[in-house]
Amino acid sequence: MKPVTSRAFAVACLAVTLLVPGASHVQAKRAITHIAGDLYRSRNNFHHSVFLVTSDGVIANDPINADAAAWLEAEISKRFDRPISI
């Protein structure tokens, strides 16, 4: 077996560099799942968080990033029409 040459390594690094930016254009997999009562789970790809719907508003924890937060805020507003506290 031949050792990896620096040229082959450089080509492999270039290929990875060119492929990675394309990954940012992939649509995030997001969903809201009812757990029990007024407790719900939100999904953003492989990250899960929870939120609780109360008569005073919705209490949510870390939605992981700004895009997920905007999506979660819009979904909660659409579904529950209550103020949100994070």
PDB file of N, CA and C in Angstrom:
ATOM      1  N   MET A   1       0.840  -1.163   0.000  1.00  0.00           N
ATOM      2  CA  MET A   1       0.000   0.000   0.000  1.00  0.00           C
ATOM      3  C   MET A   1       0.895   1.239   0.000  1.00  0.00           C
ATOM      4  N   LYS A   2       0.620   2.189  -0.898  1.00  0.00           N
ATOM      5  CA  LYS A   2       1.420   3.397  -0.999  1.00  0.00           C
ATOM      6  C   LYS A   2       0.983   4.417   0.050  1.00  0.00           C
ATOM      7  N   PRO A   3       1.931   5.150   0.617  1.00  0.00           N
ATOM      8  CA  PRO A   3       1.538   6.204   1.543  1.00  0.00           C
ATOM      9  C   PRO A   3       0.856   7.333   0.771  1.00  0.00           C
ATOM     10  N   VAL A   4       0.001   8.060   1.457  1.00  0.00           N
ATOM     11  CA  VAL A   4      -0.706   9.179   0.843  1.00  0.00           C
ATOM     12  C   VAL A   4       0.295  10.294   0.563  1.00  0.00           C
ATOM     13  N   THR A   5       0.315  10.750  -0.659  1.00  0.00           N
ATOM     14  CA  THR A   5       1.233  11.826  -1.015  1.00  0.00           C
ATOM     15  C   THR A   5       0.635  13.166  -0.628  1.00  0.00           C
ATOM     16  N   SER A   6       1.476  14.173  -0.534  1.00  0.00           N
ATOM     17  CA  SER A   6       0.982  15.498  -0.174  1.00  0.00           C
ATOM     18  C   SER A   6       0.057  16.036  -1.258  1.00  0.00           C
ATOM     19  N   ARG A   7       0.305  15.659  -2.501  1.00  0.00           N
ATOM     20  CA  ARG A   7      -0.564  16.118  -3.592  1.00  0.00           C
ATOM     21  C   ARG A   7      -1.965  15.511  -3.462  1.00  0.00           C
ATOM     22  N   ALA A   8      -2.030  14.225  -3.171  1.00  0.00           N
ATOM     23  CA  ALA A   8      -3.316  13.563  -3.002  1.00  0.00           C
ATOM     24  C   ALA A   8      -4.059  14.150  -1.804  1.00  0.00           C
ATOM     25  N   PHE A   9      -3.310  14.444  -0.755  1.00  0.00           N
ATOM     26  CA  PHE A   9      -3.911  15.043   0.433  1.00  0.00           C
ATOM     27  C   PHE A   9      -4.483  16.424   0.102  1.00  0.00           C
ATOM     28  N   ALA A  10      -3.744  17.211  -0.655  1.00  0.00           N
ATOM     29  CA  ALA A  10      -4.191  18.545  -1.047  1.00  0.00           C
ATOM     30  C   ALA A  10      -5.462  18.466  -1.896  1.00  0.00           C
ATOM     31  N   VAL A  11      -5.519  17.514  -2.812  1.00  0.00           N
ATOM     32  CA  VAL A  11      -6.706  17.332  -3.652  1.00  0.00           C
ATOM     33  C   VAL A  11      -7.907  16.946  -2.790  1.00  0.00           C
ATOM     34  N   ALA A  12      -7.699  16.051  -1.825  1.00  0.00           N
ATOM     35  CA  ALA A  12      -8.785  15.635  -0.944  1.00  0.00           C
ATOM     36  C   ALA A  12      -9.293  16.823  -0.123  1.00  0.00           C
ATOM     37  N   CYS A  13      -8.383  17.639   0.399  1.00  0.00           N
ATOM     38  CA  CYS A  13      -8.777  18.826   1.175  1.00  0.00           C
ATOM     39  C   CYS A  13      -9.566  19.804   0.315  1.00  0.00           C
ATOM     40  N   LEU A  14      -9.147  20.003  -0.912  1.00  0.00           N
ATOM     41  CA  LEU A  14      -9.849  20.897  -1.820  1.00  0.00           C
ATOM     42  C   LEU A  14     -11.254  20.383  -2.106  1.00  0.00           C
ATOM     43  N   ALA A  15     -11.388  19.094  -2.312  1.00  0.00           N
ATOM     44  CA  ALA A  15     -12.698  18.509  -2.591  1.00  0.00           C
ATOM     45  C   ALA A  15     -13.638  18.714  -1.410  1.00  0.00           C
ATOM     46  N   VAL A  16     -13.144  18.500  -0.200  1.00  0.00           N
ATOM     47  CA  VAL A  16     -13.972  18.693   0.991  1.00  0.00           C
ATOM     48  C   VAL A  16     -14.368  20.158   1.118  1.00  0.00           C
ATOM     49  N   THR A  17     -13.443  21.061   0.887  1.00  0.00           N
ATOM     50  CA  THR A  17     -13.715  22.489   0.979  1.00  0.00           C
ATOM     51  C   THR A  17     -14.791  22.906  -0.012  1.00  0.00           C
ATOM     52  N   LEU A  18     -14.772  22.357  -1.196  1.00  0.00           N
ATOM     53  CA  LEU A  18     -15.762  22.711  -2.208  1.00  0.00           C
ATOM     54  C   LEU A  18     -17.136  22.133  -1.899  1.00  0.00           C
ATOM     55  N   LEU A  19     -17.190  21.013  -1.213  1.00  0.00           N
ATOM     56  CA  LEU A  19     -18.465  20.371  -0.920  1.00  0.00           C
ATOM     57  C   LEU A  19     -19.165  20.952   0.299  1.00  0.00           C
ATOM     58  N   VAL A  20     -18.430  21.414   1.279  1.00  0.00           N
ATOM     59  CA  VAL A  20     -19.022  21.875   2.530  1.00  0.00           C
ATOM     60  C   VAL A  20     -19.982  23.053   2.351  1.00  0.00           C
ATOM     61  N   PRO A  21     -19.669  24.104   1.574  1.00  0.00           N
ATOM     62  CA  PRO A  21     -20.620  25.203   1.443  1.00  0.00           C
ATOM     63  C   PRO A  21     -21.984  24.766   0.923  1.00  0.00           C
ATOM     64  N   GLY A  22     -22.049  23.745   0.122  1.00  0.00           N
ATOM     65  CA  GLY A  22     -23.326  23.258  -0.392  1.00  0.00           C
ATOM     66  C   GLY A  22     -24.226  22.718   0.700  1.00  0.00           C
ATOM     67  N   ALA A  23     -23.626  22.259   1.788  1.00  0.00           N
ATOM     68  CA  ALA A  23     -24.422  21.702   2.881  1.00  0.00           C
ATOM     69  C   ALA A  23     -25.271  22.768   3.554  1.00  0.00           C
ATOM     70  N   SER A  24     -24.864  24.013   3.506  1.00  0.00           N
ATOM     71  CA  SER A  24     -25.627  25.076   4.165  1.00  0.00           C
ATOM     72  C   SER A  24     -26.942  25.374   3.451  1.00  0.00           C
ATOM     73  N   HIS A  25     -27.099  24.902   2.228  1.00  0.00           N
ATOM     74  CA  HIS A  25     -28.321  25.150   1.469  1.00  0.00           C
ATOM     75  C   HIS A  25     -29.372  24.069   1.701  1.00  0.00           C
ATOM     76  N   VAL A  26     -29.058  23.064   2.504  1.00  0.00           N
ATOM     77  CA  VAL A  26     -29.995  21.985   2.780  1.00  0.00           C
ATOM     78  C   VAL A  26     -31.052  22.484   3.757  1.00  0.00           C
ATOM     79  N   GLN A  27     -32.302  22.208   3.459  1.00  0.00           N
ATOM     80  CA  GLN A  27     -33.409  22.617   4.317  1.00  0.00           C
ATOM     81  C   GLN A  27     -33.335  21.881   5.645  1.00  0.00           C
ATOM     82  N   ALA A  28     -33.470  22.608   6.750  1.00  0.00           N
ATOM     83  CA  ALA A  28     -33.461  21.997   8.081  1.00  0.00           C
ATOM     84  C   ALA A  28     -34.718  21.158   8.261  1.00  0.00           C
ATOM     85  N   LYS A  29     -34.580  20.054   8.981  1.00  0.00           N
ATOM     86  CA  LYS A  29     -35.724  19.210   9.290  1.00  0.00           C
ATOM     87  C   LYS A  29     -36.280  19.677  10.623  1.00  0.00           C
ATOM     88  N   ARG A  30     -37.468  20.254  10.583  1.00  0.00           N
ATOM     89  CA  ARG A  30     -38.068  20.830  11.778  1.00  0.00           C
ATOM     90  C   ARG A  30     -39.468  20.277  11.980  1.00  0.00           C
ATOM     91  N   ALA A  31     -39.832  20.127  13.253  1.00  0.00           N
ATOM     92  CA  ALA A  31     -41.162  19.618  13.576  1.00  0.00           C
ATOM     93  C   ALA A  31     -41.507  19.975  15.014  1.00  0.00           C
ATOM     94  N   ILE A  32     -42.789  19.994  15.296  1.00  0.00           N
ATOM     95  CA  ILE A  32     -43.289  20.154  16.660  1.00  0.00           C
ATOM     96  C   ILE A  32     -44.122  18.923  16.979  1.00  0.00           C
ATOM     97  N   THR A  33     -43.834  18.311  18.136  1.00  0.00           N
ATOM     98  CA  THR A  33     -44.519  17.097  18.560  1.00  0.00           C
ATOM     99  C   THR A  33     -45.156  17.331  19.924  1.00  0.00           C
ATOM    100  N   HIS A  34     -46.399  16.943  20.067  1.00  0.00           N
ATOM    101  CA  HIS A  34     -47.087  17.041  21.350  1.00  0.00           C
ATOM    102  C   HIS A  34     -46.585  15.922  22.255  1.00  0.00           C
ATOM    103  N   ILE A  35     -46.171  16.258  23.474  1.00  0.00           N
ATOM    104  CA  ILE A  35     -45.691  15.237  24.421  1.00  0.00           C
ATOM    105  C   ILE A  35     -46.842  14.817  25.330  1.00  0.00           C
ATOM    106  N   ALA A  36     -47.363  15.757  26.108  1.00  0.00           N
ATOM    107  CA  ALA A  36     -48.491  15.484  27.007  1.00  0.00           C
ATOM    108  C   ALA A  36     -49.003  16.804  27.558  1.00  0.00           C
ATOM    109  N   GLY A  37     -50.300  16.879  27.776  1.00  0.00           N
ATOM    110  CA  GLY A  37     -50.869  18.104  28.334  1.00  0.00           C
ATOM    111  C   GLY A  37     -50.503  19.306  27.477  1.00  0.00           C
ATOM    112  N   ASP A  38     -49.848  20.283  28.090  1.00  0.00           N
ATOM    113  CA  ASP A  38     -49.437  21.493  27.373  1.00  0.00           C
ATOM    114  C   ASP A  38     -47.946  21.509  27.061  1.00  0.00           C
ATOM    115  N   LEU A  39     -47.304  20.355  27.117  1.00  0.00           N
ATOM    116  CA  LEU A  39     -45.872  20.233  26.870  1.00  0.00           C
ATOM    117  C   LEU A  39     -45.620  19.726  25.446  1.00  0.00           C
ATOM    118  N   TYR A  40     -44.707  20.413  24.726  1.00  0.00           N
ATOM    119  CA  TYR A  40     -44.397  20.079  23.337  1.00  0.00           C
ATOM    120  C   TYR A  40     -42.885  19.991  23.150  1.00  0.00           C
ATOM    121  N   ARG A  41     -42.476  19.264  22.133  1.00  0.00           N
ATOM    122  CA  ARG A  41     -41.065  19.159  21.764  1.00  0.00           C
ATOM    123  C   ARG A  41     -40.898  19.741  20.371  1.00  0.00           C
ATOM    124  N   SER A  42     -39.856  20.545  20.208  1.00  0.00           N
ATOM    125  CA  SER A  42     -39.538  21.044  18.871  1.00  0.00           C
ATOM    126  C   SER A  42     -38.250  20.375  18.405  1.00  0.00           C
ATOM    127  N   ARG A  43     -38.178  20.154  17.109  1.00  0.00           N
ATOM    128  CA  ARG A  43     -37.019  19.498  16.511  1.00  0.00           C
ATOM    129  C   ARG A  43     -36.419  20.409  15.452  1.00  0.00           C
ATOM    130  N   ASN A  44     -35.104  20.552  15.516  1.00  0.00           N
ATOM    131  CA  ASN A  44     -34.353  21.253  14.474  1.00  0.00           C
ATOM    132  C   ASN A  44     -33.197  20.327  14.107  1.00  0.00           C
ATOM    133  N   ASN A  45     -33.369  19.578  13.028  1.00  0.00           N
ATOM    134  CA  ASN A  45     -32.421  18.532  12.640  1.00  0.00           C
ATOM    135  C   ASN A  45     -32.259  17.542  13.788  1.00  0.00           C
ATOM    136  N   PHE A  46     -31.085  17.470  14.425  1.00  0.00           N
ATOM    137  CA  PHE A  46     -30.847  16.495  15.489  1.00  0.00           C
ATOM    138  C   PHE A  46     -30.934  17.125  16.877  1.00  0.00           C
ATOM    139  N   HIS A  47     -31.322  18.383  16.948  1.00  0.00           N
ATOM    140  CA  HIS A  47     -31.443  19.079  18.230  1.00  0.00           C
ATOM    141  C   HIS A  47     -32.915  19.138  18.620  1.00  0.00           C
ATOM    142  N   HIS A  48     -33.186  18.785  19.869  1.00  0.00           N
ATOM    143  CA  HIS A  48     -34.556  18.845  20.372  1.00  0.00           C
ATOM    144  C   HIS A  48     -34.608  19.807  21.548  1.00  0.00           C
ATOM    145  N   SER A  49     -35.708  20.533  21.650  1.00  0.00           N
ATOM    146  CA  SER A  49     -35.959  21.377  22.807  1.00  0.00           C
ATOM    147  C   SER A  49     -37.436  21.258  23.137  1.00  0.00           C
ATOM    148  N   VAL A  50     -37.826  21.804  24.272  1.00  0.00           N
ATOM    149  CA  VAL A  50     -39.215  21.697  24.689  1.00  0.00           C
ATOM    150  C   VAL A  50     -39.789  23.077  24.951  1.00  0.00           C
ATOM    151  N   PHE A  51     -41.112  23.141  24.923  1.00  0.00           N
ATOM    152  CA  PHE A  51     -41.791  24.367  25.336  1.00  0.00           C
ATOM    153  C   PHE A  51     -43.111  23.994  25.987  1.00  0.00           C
ATOM    154  N   LEU A  52     -43.533  24.867  26.893  1.00  0.00           N
ATOM    155  CA  LEU A  52     -44.755  24.655  27.661  1.00  0.00           C
ATOM    156  C   LEU A  52     -45.715  25.797  27.376  1.00  0.00           C
ATOM    157  N   VAL A  53     -46.945  25.452  27.011  1.00  0.00           N
ATOM    158  CA  VAL A  53     -47.975  26.444  26.739  1.00  0.00           C
ATOM    159  C   VAL A  53     -48.761  26.668  28.033  1.00  0.00           C
ATOM    160  N   THR A  54     -48.806  27.922  28.500  1.00  0.00           N
ATOM    161  CA  THR A  54     -49.556  28.273  29.710  1.00  0.00           C
ATOM    162  C   THR A  54     -50.587  29.336  29.367  1.00  0.00           C
ATOM    163  N   SER A  55     -51.453  29.641  30.307  1.00  0.00           N
ATOM    164  CA  SER A  55     -52.460  30.679  30.061  1.00  0.00           C
ATOM    165  C   SER A  55     -51.818  32.060  29.935  1.00  0.00           C
ATOM    166  N   ASP A  56     -50.631  32.252  30.520  1.00  0.00           N
ATOM    167  CA  ASP A  56     -49.920  33.531  30.431  1.00  0.00           C
ATOM    168  C   ASP A  56     -49.024  33.642  29.202  1.00  0.00           C
ATOM    169  N   GLY A  57     -48.734  32.527  28.552  1.00  0.00           N
ATOM    170  CA  GLY A  57     -47.853  32.546  27.388  1.00  0.00           C
ATOM    171  C   GLY A  57     -47.138  31.219  27.227  1.00  0.00           C
ATOM    172  N   VAL A  58     -46.130  31.214  26.384  1.00  0.00           N
ATOM    173  CA  VAL A  58     -45.368  30.003  26.089  1.00  0.00           C
ATOM    174  C   VAL A  58     -43.964  30.161  26.654  1.00  0.00           C
ATOM    175  N   ILE A  59     -43.514  29.146  27.396  1.00  0.00           N
ATOM    176  CA  ILE A  59     -42.168  29.124  27.951  1.00  0.00           C
ATOM    177  C   ILE A  59     -41.364  28.142  27.107  1.00  0.00           C
ATOM    178  N   ALA A  60     -40.290  28.644  26.467  1.00  0.00           N
ATOM    179  CA  ALA A  60     -39.470  27.799  25.583  1.00  0.00           C
ATOM    180  C   ALA A  60     -38.021  27.848  26.023  1.00  0.00           C
ATOM    181  N   ASN A  61     -37.285  26.768  25.735  1.00  0.00           N
ATOM    182  CA  ASN A  61     -35.849  26.782  26.016  1.00  0.00           C
ATOM    183  C   ASN A  61     -35.066  26.957  24.725  1.00  0.00           C
ATOM    184  N   ASP A  62     -33.768  26.837  24.790  1.00  0.00           N
ATOM    185  CA  ASP A  62     -32.841  27.138  23.704  1.00  0.00           C
ATOM    186  C   ASP A  62     -33.221  26.474  22.380  1.00  0.00           C
ATOM    187  N   PRO A  63     -33.547  27.258  21.348  1.00  0.00           N
ATOM    188  CA  PRO A  63     -33.877  26.685  20.047  1.00  0.00           C
ATOM    189  C   PRO A  63     -32.651  26.429  19.168  1.00  0.00           C
ATOM    190  N   ILE A  64     -31.441  26.577  19.614  1.00  0.00           N
ATOM    191  CA  ILE A  64     -30.133  26.250  19.043  1.00  0.00           C
ATOM    192  C   ILE A  64     -29.517  27.320  18.147  1.00  0.00           C
ATOM    193  N   ASN A  65     -30.283  28.004  17.316  1.00  0.00           N
ATOM    194  CA  ASN A  65     -29.706  29.067  16.482  1.00  0.00           C
ATOM    195  C   ASN A  65     -30.799  30.046  16.046  1.00  0.00           C
ATOM    196  N   ALA A  66     -30.383  31.129  15.418  1.00  0.00           N
ATOM    197  CA  ALA A  66     -31.323  32.191  15.044  1.00  0.00           C
ATOM    198  C   ALA A  66     -32.394  31.712  14.061  1.00  0.00           C
ATOM    199  N   ASP A  67     -32.015  30.889  13.096  1.00  0.00           N
ATOM    200  CA  ASP A  67     -32.994  30.385  12.122  1.00  0.00           C
ATOM    201  C   ASP A  67     -34.046  29.507  12.800  1.00  0.00           C
ATOM    202  N   ALA A  68     -33.588  28.631  13.685  1.00  0.00           N
ATOM    203  CA  ALA A  68     -34.518  27.759  14.406  1.00  0.00           C
ATOM    204  C   ALA A  68     -35.413  28.580  15.322  1.00  0.00           C
ATOM    205  N   ALA A  69     -34.854  29.621  15.951  1.00  0.00           N
ATOM    206  CA  ALA A  69     -35.639  30.485  16.841  1.00  0.00           C
ATOM    207  C   ALA A  69     -36.731  31.210  16.067  1.00  0.00           C
ATOM    208  N   ALA A  70     -36.402  31.724  14.894  1.00  0.00           N
ATOM    209  CA  ALA A  70     -37.394  32.420  14.071  1.00  0.00           C
ATOM    210  C   ALA A  70     -38.499  31.457  13.642  1.00  0.00           C
ATOM    211  N   TRP A  71     -38.103  30.246  13.243  1.00  0.00           N
ATOM    212  CA  TRP A  71     -39.085  29.250  12.834  1.00  0.00           C
ATOM    213  C   TRP A  71     -39.994  28.881  14.008  1.00  0.00           C
ATOM    214  N   LEU A  72     -39.376  28.633  15.183  1.00  0.00           N
ATOM    215  CA  LEU A  72     -40.151  28.225  16.349  1.00  0.00           C
ATOM    216  C   LEU A  72     -41.104  29.331  16.785  1.00  0.00           C
ATOM    217  N   GLU A  73     -40.632  30.558  16.787  1.00  0.00           N
ATOM    218  CA  GLU A  73     -41.496  31.685  17.162  1.00  0.00           C
ATOM    219  C   GLU A  73     -42.697  31.790  16.221  1.00  0.00           C
ATOM    220  N   ALA A  74     -42.458  31.652  14.934  1.00  0.00           N
ATOM    221  CA  ALA A  74     -43.550  31.723  13.952  1.00  0.00           C
ATOM    222  C   ALA A  74     -44.541  30.576  14.141  1.00  0.00           C
ATOM    223  N   GLU A  75     -44.036  29.379  14.373  1.00  0.00           N
ATOM    224  CA  GLU A  75     -44.911  28.211  14.557  1.00  0.00           C
ATOM    225  C   GLU A  75     -45.749  28.339  15.826  1.00  0.00           C
ATOM    226  N   ILE A  76     -45.117  28.772  16.921  1.00  0.00           N
ATOM    227  CA  ILE A  76     -45.849  28.931  18.178  1.00  0.00           C
ATOM    228  C   ILE A  76     -46.909  30.013  18.029  1.00  0.00           C
ATOM    229  N   SER A  77     -46.545  31.118  17.404  1.00  0.00           N
ATOM    230  CA  SER A  77     -47.517  32.201  17.190  1.00  0.00           C
ATOM    231  C   SER A  77     -48.699  31.734  16.357  1.00  0.00           C
ATOM    232  N   LYS A  78     -48.412  30.965  15.320  1.00  0.00           N
ATOM    233  CA  LYS A  78     -49.458  30.469  14.427  1.00  0.00           C
ATOM    234  C   LYS A  78     -50.373  29.466  15.143  1.00  0.00           C
ATOM    235  N   ARG A  79     -49.773  28.581  15.942  1.00  0.00           N
ATOM    236  CA  ARG A  79     -50.554  27.515  16.563  1.00  0.00           C
ATOM    237  C   ARG A  79     -51.242  27.912  17.868  1.00  0.00           C
ATOM    238  N   PHE A  80     -50.609  28.786  18.660  1.00  0.00           N
ATOM    239  CA  PHE A  80     -51.111  29.047  20.008  1.00  0.00           C
ATOM    240  C   PHE A  80     -51.495  30.495  20.265  1.00  0.00           C
ATOM    241  N   ASP A  81     -51.065  31.434  19.445  1.00  0.00           N
ATOM    242  CA  ASP A  81     -51.413  32.844  19.572  1.00  0.00           C
ATOM    243  C   ASP A  81     -51.214  33.360  21.013  1.00  0.00           C
ATOM    244  N   ARG A  82     -50.019  33.089  21.548  1.00  0.00           N
ATOM    245  CA  ARG A  82     -49.664  33.546  22.893  1.00  0.00           C
ATOM    246  C   ARG A  82     -48.250  34.104  22.869  1.00  0.00           C
ATOM    247  N   PRO A  83     -47.913  35.010  23.811  1.00  0.00           N
ATOM    248  CA  PRO A  83     -46.538  35.531  23.864  1.00  0.00           C
ATOM    249  C   PRO A  83     -45.549  34.441  24.248  1.00  0.00           C
ATOM    250  N   ILE A  84     -44.294  34.613  23.857  1.00  0.00           N
ATOM    251  CA  ILE A  84     -43.258  33.605  24.082  1.00  0.00           C
ATOM    252  C   ILE A  84     -42.179  34.157  25.000  1.00  0.00           C
ATOM    253  N   SER A  85     -41.747  33.342  25.960  1.00  0.00           N
ATOM    254  CA  SER A  85     -40.595  33.657  26.818  1.00  0.00           C
ATOM    255  C   SER A  85     -39.556  32.574  26.620  1.00  0.00           C
ATOM    256  N   ILE A  86     -38.328  33.008  26.329  1.00  0.00           N
ATOM    257  CA  ILE A  86     -37.242  32.029  26.134  1.00  0.00           C
ATOM    258  C   ILE A  86     -36.231  32.201  27.237  1.00  0.00           C
TER     259      ILE A  86
END
